[in-house]
Every structure is written in C-alpha cells, then in structure tokens.
Amino acid sequence: MNKTVVVFSFCLLPFLSFSQKKSTKIKLEHADLFEYVEGKGKKTRRLTGNVSFKHEDMLMYCDRALLYPKSNALDAFGHVRIKQGGGFTITGDSLHYNGNTKLADIMGNVKMVHDGTKLTTSAMTHNLISNSSMYRTGGILVDKDNVLTSRVGIYKSRSKSFFFREDVVLVNPKYTMTADTLEYRSGEEKAIFHGPTIIKSEENTIYCEAGWYNTQTNLSEFSKRAIILTNEQSISGDSLFYNRDLGYGKAIGHVEIIDTTQDIIISGHFGEYYEKEDIALVTKDAVLIDVYEDDSLFLHADTLRSGFDSTGTSKVLYAYHKVRFFKADLQGKCDSLIFSYADSTIHLFKDPVLWSEKNQMTADFIIIKRNEGGIESLDFQNNAFIVSEVDSTRYNQIKGKNMKGMFVDNNLDKIKVNGNGETVYFAQEEDSSFVGVNVAQCSDMMIYVENNDITSITFINMPTAILHPIDKISKSELELKGFRWLAHIRPKGRYDIFEWR
C-alpha cells in the first residue's frame, strides 16, 4: 500500500468505529401530528409538521418523520436540517439516523455550512462520535477565496479540516490547483498535499508530491520531485519554499535551474529566485552546464547568479568567487566571471587563465566571444601572455600589451598582438630537431596557428628578431618577463573544477 492510500485510509477510520458508551435514546422535541403505525410486527411513530428531534448535542428538523423507538433510529423527509454546536449545520431532502451507531445519512441536495465554509453534494454521512462528515458522490466546497471540487471528501468539524480524494480541483482567483489527495484546513485556509499536485497560474506552474500551500498568505512549501516552471526556465529541489505575493522562491537540496532559452543548467544545494526581477542565485557546490551540440562547458564557483546588467535590459550571469571551468577544448580559472546573454560574451576578472590544447593564455582581463558553434574570438587586455610547451624545459611564448585570438571552426587560427610585442619561438625541422630559437620584439605582429602549433609570424612596424643557436642562449633569455607555466592548476576533467589551486 502506498503512502497516499495509507493517509487517506486513516481519514476513514472515524466511519469504521462505534461508540463504546451505552447509547442514549433519540428524543422527540416537537411534531404537529403524532401517529402510531404498525408494520411487519413493529411499532413506528409517524410524525408530521415542524418535526424536531434531539440526540445528545445534535438537533434534527424536518417536515415529516418515522421514528423507530426499538432500534433507536429514524427516517426524516422534507427540509431536513441537522444542527450542532459552533454553527455547524447540514441540510438535505431526506435523512436516516441511527442513534446507536450515531451515523446520519443525508440524501438529496445536501448542503453543509460551518464558519463561512459551504459544501454541497448529493449524499453525505455524518458521524456524531467523531464530528466527521463524508461524501462519495462528488462535492463542491466554497469558502472566502476558493472553490474546491472532488469525488470523495471528509470534513472534521472539530479541526475544521477537509480530506479530498479523486479528481481534486481547487480554483483560486490567482491559480488553479489539481491533486490526487488533498487536505484542506478551512480555518487556516491551508492546503496540504499527499500526492501528485499541480498548481497553475499566469506566472508559473508548480508540481510536487508533498507539501502545503496557504491560500490566504500565499506562502507555500513543496517537496518530493518539487519543480517550478516558467516560460523560460524551471527550478527544482528537494524542498521548495515560495511566496507568491513577493514572487520569491527558495530551494534546498539538489537544486537545479534550467534556462531553456539559453540551454544552460545551474545546479547546487541552495538556491533563491526573485520572480518579479527574474533573478536567480545558487550556492553550495554550484555548477553551470552550458550545453553544446557535441560537448558542454562545466563551470564551478562559490556563487552563481543570473540577473540583468546595470542598464536593466540585458540578461547576464555572474560567477564568483574561485571560478574554474572545463570543456574538452577549453579550460580556465579566474576569481569572477560575467556572461552576457545579449552578445554571447564571457568576461574573466582577476588573474584569469585559459588553456586551449597546448596553449596557456593569461592577461589582466580576458573576453571570450561565443557563437553558435563554440568560440569565435579571445580578447586579452593588459599584460597578455601566451605560452605553449615545447618540452619540459622549453616554451614558445608570445607577449604583448593586448592580443586577440581568432577561431575558425572552433579552432585557434591566428593571434593579433597590439603593442609591445615579444616572442620566443623554437624553430624545428619536420623530425622535431631544433633549428634554433627566434627571439623577437615588435610593436604589432600576427601569429598564424594550425593544429594549435605556430606555423608563422608576421612582424609589423620595424621588428627586431634574432635566430639564436639553441646552445648559445641563456635560460634567462628564453623566458620573457612575467613568464609563468601553470599546468599544475589546469582542470583535467569536469569534476576537477571543484579543486581550487
């Protein structure tokens, strides 16, 4: 038996139990006409006109009735009404009441009213022992803000709680809720879910399999496969807390935000969402997955936040601090990062490093320009430096004030150096033997790359270049100022992004 059935079966227990105390007799309070009727060897009292009965704390009224003293039961007809304390009433066309079991079966145009809540159905059973009322033929509940329908329902008047099952629908001016099993506390205007539930509104669609929703305060909590869907993204987590009035959501445990327009997935263990501002924030093992057709980029930071730039018009993603990312053909690290959706650019701040195949690229500030196929260009601003390993002691180097790397079919094709250009380049034969090392200075230059190897360099504006025999140059001359080889901090795989070095 699943949990939902167990919960609802428990609600039915009041209708399966009987009082252990000795039953009291039904008392006739009034009737305009009183008659004895004989039938099947039993004496029956037939009552007509303004008939009323009392049994313990319950009063019963009708137009006419048959009272069975021996079995302590009655049948009532016409304008039937039951009253109990606290303003609880049930009306209907007919009634059968057993004073021993204290069960009242009301049929035809049944209406129950209690503290501003009205329930209508075609047939209902009321249990005087537990003060519980049940219907199985479909019912409609109406209170201040909500209309709720279901096939089966139970009302407990002491706690002012309803339990609904089968085809449950709650309609509120702001949303519509459908559920398998629903508990509704009318005094608190609180709906509690015990099975698959969907809440639809203009702003979003919410799904969960457990949780609660306060229809008065619009505060809610969802769990068990909980997810909030909007036109552009979805938010899921082990637990979701949502304030509809503020448009604020909080997710805890296995949080995932999917942006369907950008093919971006953000996950972590804590998240916040500001619906009206369209801002989302994820922390605790936060990861961004930028989905490509044949590969994906995996990025980790202490905090990931999506929102808008200073103009409030362009959507951006912020990653901070200790950013590391991995893609099969591109890896990187920096302190913080901004991704602009409008122009598909990624801005890396504070000691950024990029690796692409054999190349290590650094600068004070780096901009990655994306396109549909992957990377379009790389901009290195201030102290730009590119290093590639020749062997364990030798490195090709390109240095300049600014550089721009251009890609073709997602492969580095050429690099433009602007200002203060310097290179150290080891010339090799086809068999990899060394011809010499070329050390050059030139304000501007163009470096051509094929299969991630430098194939040629074009010097612009009065270059100075010397090809040194490899054994006639000192080690200090083979390393340009600012040289660093950072292979030890390079992410080697998607899970290495969590290791900050």
Protein backbone atom coordinates (compact mmCIF):
# COMPACT_ATOMS: atom_id res chain seq x y z
CA MET A 1 0.00 0.00 0.00
CA ASN A 2 1.43 3.38 -0.94
CA LYS A 3 1.69 6.30 1.47
CA THR A 4 -1.13 8.27 -0.13
CA VAL A 5 -3.59 5.43 0.38
CA VAL A 6 -2.41 4.97 3.97
CA VAL A 7 -3.02 8.64 4.75
CA PHE A 8 -6.50 8.61 3.28
CA SER A 9 -7.40 5.26 4.84
CA PHE A 10 -6.57 6.76 8.21
CA CYS A 11 -9.08 9.52 7.49
CA LEU A 12 -11.79 6.89 7.01
CA LEU A 13 -11.30 5.36 10.47
CA PRO A 14 -13.96 7.56 12.15
CA PHE A 15 -16.56 5.93 9.88
CA LEU A 16 -15.47 2.41 10.83
CA SER A 17 -15.62 2.90 14.63
CA PHE A 18 -18.54 2.82 17.05
CA SER A 19 -19.08 4.36 20.44
CA GLN A 20 -18.13 2.22 23.41
CA LYS A 21 -20.58 4.09 25.68
CA LYS A 22 -24.18 2.99 26.15
CA SER A 23 -26.37 4.67 23.55
CA THR A 24 -28.89 7.29 24.62
CA LYS A 25 -32.39 7.39 23.13
CA ILE A 26 -33.45 9.79 20.42
CA LYS A 27 -35.75 12.35 21.97
CA LEU A 28 -38.74 13.76 20.11
CA GLU A 29 -38.89 17.51 20.74
CA HIS A 30 -41.94 18.53 18.66
CA ALA A 31 -44.38 17.45 15.94
CA ASP A 32 -47.71 18.97 14.88
CA LEU A 33 -49.20 15.49 14.34
CA PHE A 34 -48.25 12.27 16.11
CA GLU A 35 -49.41 8.78 14.95
CA TYR A 36 -48.59 5.13 15.65
CA VAL A 37 -48.15 2.87 12.64
CA GLU A 38 -47.94 -0.95 12.69
CA GLY A 39 -45.79 -2.65 10.06
CA LYS A 40 -44.04 -6.04 9.97
CA GLY A 41 -44.81 -6.54 13.66
CA LYS A 42 -43.05 -3.29 14.61
CA LYS A 43 -44.49 -0.14 16.07
CA THR A 44 -43.45 3.03 14.30
CA ARG A 45 -44.21 6.62 15.22
CA ARG A 46 -45.21 8.73 12.26
CA LEU A 47 -44.67 12.45 12.82
CA THR A 48 -45.82 15.33 10.63
CA GLY A 49 -45.34 19.11 10.65
CA ASN A 50 -42.47 21.07 12.22
CA VAL A 51 -40.84 17.89 13.47
CA SER A 52 -37.72 18.20 15.64
CA PHE A 53 -35.52 15.67 17.48
CA LYS A 54 -32.62 15.88 19.87
CA HIS A 55 -29.88 13.33 20.33
CA GLU A 56 -27.10 14.32 22.71
CA ASP A 57 -25.69 17.61 21.29
CA MET A 58 -27.36 17.28 17.87
CA LEU A 59 -30.72 18.74 16.82
CA MET A 60 -32.65 17.42 13.78
CA TYR A 61 -35.53 19.13 11.97
CA CYS A 62 -37.80 18.04 9.11
CA ASP A 63 -41.37 18.23 7.67
CA ARG A 64 -42.21 14.62 8.49
CA ALA A 65 -40.50 11.59 10.00
CA LEU A 66 -40.73 7.94 11.02
CA LEU A 67 -39.30 7.19 14.48
CA TYR A 68 -38.32 3.59 15.40
CA PRO A 69 -38.03 3.55 19.22
CA LYS A 70 -36.96 -0.11 19.46
CA SER A 71 -33.99 0.28 17.10
CA ASN A 72 -33.34 3.89 18.22
CA ALA A 73 -33.44 5.16 14.64
CA LEU A 74 -35.45 7.48 12.42
CA ASP A 75 -36.16 8.46 8.83
CA ALA A 76 -36.82 12.12 8.08
CA PHE A 77 -38.18 13.79 4.95
CA GLY A 78 -38.62 17.32 3.62
CA HIS A 79 -36.47 20.32 4.59
CA VAL A 80 -34.18 18.15 6.67
CA ARG A 81 -31.76 20.10 8.86
CA ILE A 82 -29.08 18.96 11.36
CA LYS A 83 -27.52 21.39 13.83
CA GLN A 84 -24.57 21.01 16.16
CA GLY A 85 -22.59 23.49 18.25
CA GLY A 86 -20.35 26.13 16.69
CA GLY A 87 -22.74 26.99 13.88
CA PHE A 88 -22.44 23.58 12.18
CA THR A 89 -25.47 22.67 10.02
CA ILE A 90 -26.36 20.12 7.33
CA THR A 91 -29.47 20.34 5.19
CA GLY A 92 -30.94 17.90 2.65
CA ASP A 93 -34.08 16.24 1.27
CA SER A 94 -34.06 13.13 3.48
CA LEU A 95 -32.25 11.58 6.43
CA HIS A 96 -31.71 8.19 8.04
CA TYR A 97 -30.24 8.39 11.54
CA ASN A 98 -29.17 5.52 13.81
CA GLY A 99 -28.91 6.62 17.45
CA ASN A 100 -26.83 3.56 18.39
CA THR A 101 -24.08 3.97 15.77
CA LYS A 102 -24.62 7.75 15.71
CA LEU A 103 -24.39 7.80 11.93
CA ALA A 104 -26.62 10.14 9.92
CA ASP A 105 -27.12 9.52 6.19
CA ILE A 106 -28.39 12.66 4.44
CA MET A 107 -29.55 12.43 0.80
CA GLY A 108 -30.62 14.88 -1.90
CA ASN A 109 -29.40 18.48 -2.33
CA VAL A 110 -27.12 18.18 0.68
CA LYS A 111 -25.50 21.36 1.96
CA MET A 112 -23.14 21.63 4.92
CA VAL A 113 -22.29 25.05 6.41
CA HIS A 114 -19.68 25.76 9.07
CA ASP A 115 -17.93 29.06 9.86
CA GLY A 116 -18.36 30.57 6.40
CA THR A 117 -17.47 27.36 4.55
CA LYS A 118 -20.18 25.76 2.41
CA LEU A 119 -20.10 22.23 1.00
CA THR A 120 -22.71 20.84 -1.40
CA THR A 121 -23.13 17.24 -2.55
CA SER A 122 -25.86 14.72 -3.39
CA ALA A 123 -25.33 12.44 -0.35
CA MET A 124 -23.39 12.65 2.92
CA THR A 125 -22.79 10.57 6.04
CA HIS A 126 -22.26 12.42 9.32
CA ASN A 127 -20.61 10.68 12.31
CA LEU A 128 -21.76 12.20 15.60
CA ILE A 129 -18.97 10.46 17.56
CA SER A 130 -16.08 11.98 15.62
CA ASN A 131 -17.96 15.01 14.28
CA SER A 132 -16.91 13.91 10.79
CA SER A 133 -18.88 14.17 7.55
CA MET A 134 -18.18 12.18 4.38
CA TYR A 135 -19.37 12.14 0.77
CA ARG A 136 -18.54 9.73 -2.08
CA THR A 137 -20.61 11.09 -4.96
CA GLY A 138 -18.75 14.33 -5.70
CA GLY A 139 -18.88 17.61 -3.82
CA ILE A 140 -18.18 21.34 -4.09
CA LEU A 141 -16.65 23.36 -1.26
CA VAL A 142 -16.81 27.16 -1.30
CA ASP A 143 -15.12 29.48 1.18
CA LYS A 144 -13.96 33.08 1.10
CA ASP A 145 -11.42 32.78 -1.74
CA ASN A 146 -11.59 29.23 -3.06
CA VAL A 147 -13.85 26.75 -4.84
CA LEU A 148 -12.79 23.13 -4.34
CA THR A 149 -14.30 20.05 -6.01
CA SER A 150 -13.58 16.34 -5.57
CA ARG A 151 -15.27 12.96 -5.89
CA VAL A 152 -14.66 11.85 -2.29
CA GLY A 153 -14.29 14.05 0.77
CA ILE A 154 -14.32 14.07 4.57
CA TYR A 155 -14.85 17.05 6.88
CA LYS A 156 -13.77 17.06 10.53
CA SER A 157 -15.67 19.88 12.19
CA ARG A 158 -13.54 19.97 15.37
CA SER A 159 -10.33 20.74 13.46
CA LYS A 160 -12.15 22.36 10.50
CA SER A 161 -10.17 20.06 8.20
CA PHE A 162 -11.22 18.57 4.86
CA PHE A 163 -9.68 15.49 3.23
CA PHE A 164 -10.32 15.21 -0.50
CA ARG A 165 -9.55 12.39 -2.93
CA GLU A 166 -10.07 11.67 -6.64
CA ASP A 167 -10.33 14.48 -9.21
CA VAL A 168 -9.46 17.17 -6.67
CA VAL A 169 -9.50 20.72 -8.11
CA LEU A 170 -9.07 23.96 -6.12
CA VAL A 171 -9.79 27.17 -8.02
CA ASN A 172 -8.46 30.47 -6.64
CA PRO A 173 -8.56 33.84 -8.47
CA LYS A 174 -4.75 33.64 -8.79
CA TYR A 175 -4.25 29.95 -9.64
CA THR A 176 -5.82 26.51 -10.14
CA MET A 177 -4.68 23.50 -8.11
CA THR A 178 -5.27 19.86 -9.11
CA ALA A 179 -4.32 16.96 -6.87
CA ASP A 180 -4.69 13.26 -6.19
CA THR A 181 -5.20 13.65 -2.43
CA LEU A 182 -5.53 16.96 -0.63
CA GLU A 183 -6.08 18.04 2.97
CA TYR A 184 -7.63 21.49 3.39
CA ARG A 185 -7.79 23.31 6.72
CA SER A 186 -10.53 25.85 6.23
CA GLY A 187 -9.77 27.77 9.44
CA GLU A 188 -6.22 28.43 8.25
CA GLU A 189 -7.07 28.38 4.52
CA LYS A 190 -4.18 25.92 4.14
CA ALA A 191 -3.96 23.12 1.57
CA ILE A 192 -1.74 20.11 2.36
CA PHE A 193 -0.70 17.75 -0.44
CA HIS A 194 -0.44 13.96 -0.01
CA GLY A 195 0.21 13.00 -3.63
CA PRO A 196 0.94 14.39 -7.12
CA THR A 197 -0.21 18.03 -7.25
CA ILE A 198 -0.13 20.72 -9.96
CA ILE A 199 -0.64 24.47 -9.33
CA LYS A 200 -1.09 26.60 -12.46
CA SER A 201 -1.07 30.41 -12.61
CA GLU A 202 -0.20 33.15 -15.09
CA GLU A 203 3.30 33.38 -13.61
CA ASN A 204 4.25 29.71 -13.38
CA THR A 205 3.30 26.05 -12.98
CA ILE A 206 4.26 24.19 -9.79
CA TYR A 207 4.45 20.40 -9.41
CA CYS A 208 5.11 18.41 -6.24
CA GLU A 209 4.09 15.20 -4.49
CA ALA A 210 4.05 16.56 -0.92
CA GLY A 211 3.89 19.94 0.77
CA TRP A 212 1.44 22.70 1.70
CA TYR A 213 0.02 25.97 0.39
CA ASN A 214 -1.61 28.72 2.46
CA THR A 215 -4.28 30.21 0.21
CA GLN A 216 -4.64 33.25 2.49
CA THR A 217 -0.97 34.29 2.86
CA ASN A 218 0.20 32.72 -0.44
CA LEU A 219 3.11 31.10 1.42
CA SER A 220 3.95 27.51 0.47
CA GLU A 221 6.42 24.66 0.78
CA PHE A 222 6.81 21.81 -1.71
CA SER A 223 8.81 18.57 -1.66
CA LYS A 224 9.10 15.20 -3.40
CA ARG A 225 10.05 15.96 -7.02
CA ALA A 226 9.14 19.62 -6.50
CA ILE A 227 9.56 21.92 -9.51
CA ILE A 228 8.51 25.45 -10.52
CA LEU A 229 8.15 26.03 -14.29
CA THR A 230 8.08 29.44 -16.00
CA ASN A 231 8.08 30.31 -19.70
CA GLU A 232 11.88 30.42 -19.84
CA GLN A 233 13.17 28.25 -17.02
CA SER A 234 12.50 25.60 -14.41
CA ILE A 235 13.57 25.44 -10.74
CA SER A 236 13.64 22.18 -8.79
CA GLY A 237 14.97 20.93 -5.46
CA ASP A 238 14.39 18.54 -2.58
CA SER A 239 12.39 21.32 -0.89
CA LEU A 240 10.95 24.50 -2.41
CA PHE A 241 9.63 27.47 -0.42
CA TYR A 242 7.54 30.00 -2.34
CA ASN A 243 5.93 33.37 -1.55
CA ARG A 244 3.56 34.16 -4.42
CA ASP A 245 2.89 37.77 -3.34
CA LEU A 246 6.60 38.63 -3.26
CA GLY A 247 7.47 36.34 -6.16
CA TYR A 248 10.26 34.83 -4.01
CA GLY A 249 11.32 31.20 -4.06
CA LYS A 250 13.94 29.28 -2.10
CA ALA A 251 15.24 25.81 -2.97
CA ILE A 252 17.22 23.47 -0.71
CA GLY A 253 18.96 20.22 -1.67
CA HIS A 254 19.74 19.03 -5.24
CA VAL A 255 18.78 22.43 -6.65
CA GLU A 256 18.59 22.72 -10.44
CA ILE A 257 17.70 25.74 -12.58
CA ILE A 258 17.31 25.11 -16.33
CA ASP A 259 17.24 28.07 -18.74
CA THR A 260 15.57 26.63 -21.86
CA THR A 261 16.22 29.72 -23.99
CA GLN A 262 20.00 29.62 -23.42
CA ASP A 263 20.47 25.84 -22.95
CA ILE A 264 22.08 26.49 -19.57
CA ILE A 265 21.72 24.33 -16.45
CA ILE A 266 22.69 25.64 -12.98
CA SER A 267 22.80 23.23 -10.05
CA GLY A 268 23.81 23.33 -6.38
CA HIS A 269 22.41 22.68 -2.92
CA PHE A 270 20.89 26.10 -2.13
CA GLY A 271 19.07 28.50 -4.42
CA GLU A 272 16.95 31.65 -4.36
CA TYR A 273 14.68 33.01 -7.07
CA TYR A 274 13.18 36.50 -7.36
CA GLU A 275 10.38 36.07 -9.88
CA LYS A 276 9.46 39.72 -10.47
CA GLU A 277 13.08 40.77 -11.04
CA ASP A 278 13.92 37.50 -12.85
CA ILE A 279 16.97 36.96 -10.63
CA ALA A 280 18.21 33.53 -9.53
CA LEU A 281 21.10 32.64 -7.20
CA VAL A 282 22.68 29.24 -6.47
CA THR A 283 25.41 28.36 -3.95
CA LYS A 284 26.90 25.29 -2.23
CA ASP A 285 28.71 23.22 -4.89
CA ALA A 286 27.21 25.46 -7.57
CA VAL A 287 27.77 24.24 -11.14
CA LEU A 288 26.79 25.73 -14.50
CA ILE A 289 26.49 23.49 -17.56
CA ASP A 290 26.49 25.34 -20.89
CA VAL A 291 25.08 22.77 -23.30
CA TYR A 292 26.61 22.48 -26.77
CA GLU A 293 25.57 20.07 -29.53
CA ASP A 294 28.62 17.81 -29.25
CA ASP A 295 30.20 18.99 -25.99
CA SER A 296 29.34 21.02 -22.87
CA LEU A 297 31.13 23.50 -20.65
CA PHE A 298 31.13 22.78 -16.88
CA LEU A 299 31.78 25.74 -14.58
CA HIS A 300 32.00 25.94 -10.78
CA ALA A 301 32.06 28.99 -8.49
CA ASP A 302 31.17 29.73 -4.89
CA THR A 303 28.07 31.57 -6.16
CA LEU A 304 26.21 31.65 -9.48
CA ARG A 305 23.68 34.44 -10.04
CA SER A 306 21.60 35.26 -13.11
CA GLY A 307 20.05 38.71 -13.49
CA PHE A 308 20.49 41.89 -15.55
CA ASP A 309 23.29 44.34 -16.26
CA SER A 310 23.42 47.93 -14.98
CA THR A 311 21.03 49.08 -17.73
CA GLY A 312 18.40 46.57 -16.59
CA THR A 313 17.77 45.42 -20.16
CA SER A 314 20.38 42.75 -20.94
CA LYS A 315 20.38 39.43 -19.09
CA VAL A 316 23.70 38.36 -17.58
CA LEU A 317 25.13 35.56 -15.46
CA TYR A 318 27.59 36.32 -12.64
CA ALA A 319 30.00 33.70 -11.24
CA TYR A 320 32.07 34.45 -8.11
CA HIS A 321 34.42 33.55 -6.44
CA LYS A 322 37.04 30.82 -7.28
CA VAL A 323 35.76 30.20 -10.78
CA ARG A 324 37.03 27.12 -12.64
CA PHE A 325 35.61 25.63 -15.81
CA PHE A 326 36.20 22.69 -18.12
CA LYS A 327 35.32 22.00 -21.73
CA ALA A 328 37.11 19.39 -23.82
CA ASP A 329 38.79 22.08 -25.94
CA LEU A 330 38.91 24.94 -23.41
CA GLN A 331 39.63 25.19 -19.68
CA GLY A 332 40.04 28.17 -17.39
CA LYS A 333 40.15 29.79 -13.96
CA CYS A 334 39.65 33.27 -12.55
CA ASP A 335 38.26 34.94 -9.45
CA SER A 336 34.99 36.07 -11.06
CA LEU A 337 33.19 35.98 -14.40
CA ILE A 338 30.30 37.70 -16.20
CA PHE A 339 28.45 36.09 -19.11
CA SER A 340 26.32 38.42 -21.24
CA TYR A 341 23.39 36.72 -22.98
CA ALA A 342 22.86 39.65 -25.36
CA ASP A 343 26.22 39.43 -27.19
CA SER A 344 27.33 35.96 -26.02
CA THR A 345 30.50 37.26 -24.36
CA ILE A 346 32.24 35.96 -21.24
CA HIS A 347 34.33 38.42 -19.18
CA LEU A 348 37.01 36.95 -16.87
CA PHE A 349 38.36 39.06 -13.99
CA LYS A 350 41.29 38.91 -11.55
CA ASP A 351 44.22 36.72 -12.59
CA PRO A 352 42.37 34.81 -15.35
CA VAL A 353 43.98 31.83 -17.10
CA LEU A 354 42.78 29.97 -20.20
CA TRP A 355 44.07 26.71 -21.66
CA SER A 356 43.30 25.53 -25.19
CA GLU A 357 45.09 22.36 -26.29
CA LYS A 358 48.83 23.21 -25.92
CA ASN A 359 48.29 26.91 -25.25
CA GLN A 360 48.16 28.69 -21.89
CA MET A 361 46.77 32.24 -22.08
CA THR A 362 46.83 34.93 -19.39
CA ALA A 363 46.10 38.66 -19.09
CA ASP A 364 44.75 41.13 -16.56
CA PHE A 365 41.34 40.82 -18.25
CA ILE A 366 40.04 38.29 -20.82
CA ILE A 367 36.91 38.37 -23.01
CA ILE A 368 35.60 35.20 -24.71
CA LYS A 369 33.25 35.80 -27.65
CA ARG A 370 30.94 32.84 -28.31
CA ASN A 371 28.94 31.86 -31.36
CA GLU A 372 26.58 29.00 -32.15
CA GLY A 373 29.47 26.67 -32.99
CA GLY A 374 31.53 27.48 -29.88
CA ILE A 375 34.27 30.15 -29.59
CA GLU A 376 34.58 33.00 -32.09
CA SER A 377 37.42 35.02 -30.54
CA LEU A 378 39.50 35.69 -27.41
CA ASP A 379 40.48 39.22 -26.29
CA PHE A 380 43.44 39.58 -23.90
CA GLN A 381 43.74 43.05 -22.37
CA ASN A 382 46.81 44.31 -20.49
CA ASN A 383 49.83 42.06 -19.90
CA ALA A 384 48.67 39.49 -22.46
CA PHE A 385 50.80 36.35 -22.48
CA ILE A 386 50.50 33.06 -24.42
CA VAL A 387 52.74 30.08 -23.61
CA SER A 388 52.92 26.63 -25.21
CA GLU A 389 55.15 23.78 -24.05
CA VAL A 390 57.78 22.51 -26.48
CA ASP A 391 59.29 20.09 -23.97
CA SER A 392 59.78 20.03 -20.19
CA THR A 393 62.35 22.88 -20.29
CA ARG A 394 61.42 24.86 -23.41
CA TYR A 395 58.34 27.01 -24.07
CA ASN A 396 57.16 29.07 -27.03
CA GLN A 397 55.99 32.47 -25.77
CA ILE A 398 54.04 35.44 -27.12
CA LYS A 399 53.73 38.62 -25.08
CA GLY A 400 52.10 41.97 -25.73
CA LYS A 401 50.01 44.74 -24.27
CA ASN A 402 46.82 43.39 -25.87
CA MET A 403 46.09 40.36 -28.02
CA LYS A 404 43.16 38.95 -29.93
CA GLY A 405 42.85 35.26 -30.80
CA MET A 406 40.54 34.41 -33.71
CA PHE A 407 38.95 30.99 -34.21
CA VAL A 408 37.78 29.09 -37.29
CA ASP A 409 35.51 26.08 -36.78
CA ASN A 410 36.17 26.37 -33.05
CA ASN A 411 39.96 26.06 -33.56
CA LEU A 412 42.52 28.82 -32.87
CA ASP A 413 43.53 30.21 -36.29
CA LYS A 414 45.58 33.36 -35.67
CA ILE A 415 46.59 35.79 -32.94
CA LYS A 416 46.92 39.57 -33.41
CA VAL A 417 49.35 41.30 -30.99
CA ASN A 418 48.86 45.03 -30.41
CA GLY A 419 51.63 46.91 -28.61
CA ASN A 420 54.92 45.87 -27.00
CA GLY A 421 55.03 42.56 -28.82
CA GLU A 422 57.68 39.99 -27.88
CA THR A 423 58.16 36.35 -28.84
CA VAL A 424 60.35 33.40 -28.00
CA TYR A 425 59.85 30.73 -30.66
CA PHE A 426 61.72 27.45 -31.08
CA ALA A 427 62.16 26.65 -34.79
CA GLN A 428 62.09 22.92 -35.55
CA GLU A 429 62.55 20.63 -38.51
CA GLU A 430 59.87 18.13 -39.53
CA ASP A 431 61.67 15.48 -37.49
CA SER A 432 61.36 17.80 -34.42
CA SER A 433 65.08 18.59 -34.30
CA PHE A 434 65.82 22.19 -33.34
CA VAL A 435 66.98 24.75 -35.89
CA GLY A 436 67.34 27.45 -33.25
CA VAL A 437 65.33 29.82 -31.10
CA ASN A 438 63.93 33.04 -32.54
CA VAL A 439 63.74 35.95 -30.08
CA ALA A 440 61.88 38.96 -31.46
CA GLN A 441 60.47 42.32 -30.43
CA CYS A 442 57.90 44.17 -32.49
CA SER A 443 55.13 46.60 -31.60
CA ASP A 444 52.48 44.67 -33.54
CA MET A 445 52.52 41.20 -35.04
CA MET A 446 50.28 38.47 -36.45
CA ILE A 447 50.82 34.85 -35.41
CA TYR A 448 49.32 32.07 -37.54
CA VAL A 449 48.32 28.79 -35.91
CA GLU A 450 47.48 25.38 -37.33
CA ASN A 451 46.58 22.35 -35.24
CA ASN A 452 47.41 24.51 -32.18
CA ASP A 453 51.05 24.95 -33.37
CA ILE A 454 52.54 28.25 -34.53
CA THR A 455 53.24 27.98 -38.26
CA SER A 456 54.43 31.53 -39.00
CA ILE A 457 54.80 35.02 -37.54
CA THR A 458 54.32 38.27 -39.46
CA PHE A 459 56.11 41.25 -37.84
CA ILE A 460 54.64 44.75 -38.28
CA ASN A 461 56.33 48.11 -37.61
CA MET A 462 60.14 47.71 -37.58
CA PRO A 463 60.78 44.38 -35.88
CA THR A 464 63.96 43.24 -34.14
CA ALA A 465 64.46 39.49 -34.44
CA ILE A 466 67.46 37.20 -33.89
CA LEU A 467 67.62 33.44 -34.53
CA HIS A 468 69.97 32.09 -31.85
CA PRO A 469 71.62 28.68 -31.91
CA ILE A 470 69.86 26.75 -29.22
CA ASP A 471 73.06 26.18 -27.20
CA LYS A 472 74.20 29.83 -27.45
CA ILE A 473 71.43 31.48 -25.44
CA SER A 474 70.98 31.59 -21.67
CA LYS A 475 67.94 30.27 -19.84
CA SER A 476 67.06 33.77 -18.63
CA GLU A 477 66.84 34.94 -22.24
CA LEU A 478 64.45 32.07 -23.03
CA GLU A 479 61.85 33.32 -20.54
CA LEU A 480 60.11 36.61 -21.19
CA LYS A 481 59.39 38.84 -18.21
CA GLY A 482 56.25 37.67 -16.45
CA PHE A 483 56.60 34.06 -17.69
CA ARG A 484 54.60 31.50 -15.67
CA TRP A 485 53.82 27.88 -16.50
CA LEU A 486 50.61 26.94 -14.69
CA ALA A 487 49.88 23.38 -15.82
CA HIS A 488 49.52 22.26 -12.19
CA ILE A 489 46.35 24.31 -11.74
CA ARG A 490 44.73 23.35 -15.07
CA PRO A 491 41.40 21.46 -14.74
CA LYS A 492 41.90 18.00 -16.24
CA GLY A 493 38.20 16.96 -16.24
CA ARG A 494 34.69 18.12 -15.38
CA TYR A 495 34.99 17.10 -11.71
CA ASP A 496 38.34 18.85 -11.30
CA ILE A 497 36.54 22.22 -11.37
CA PHE A 498 35.79 21.79 -7.64
CA GLU A 499 39.51 21.72 -6.75
CA TRP A 500 40.79 25.28 -6.28
CA ARG A 501 44.59 25.57 -6.65
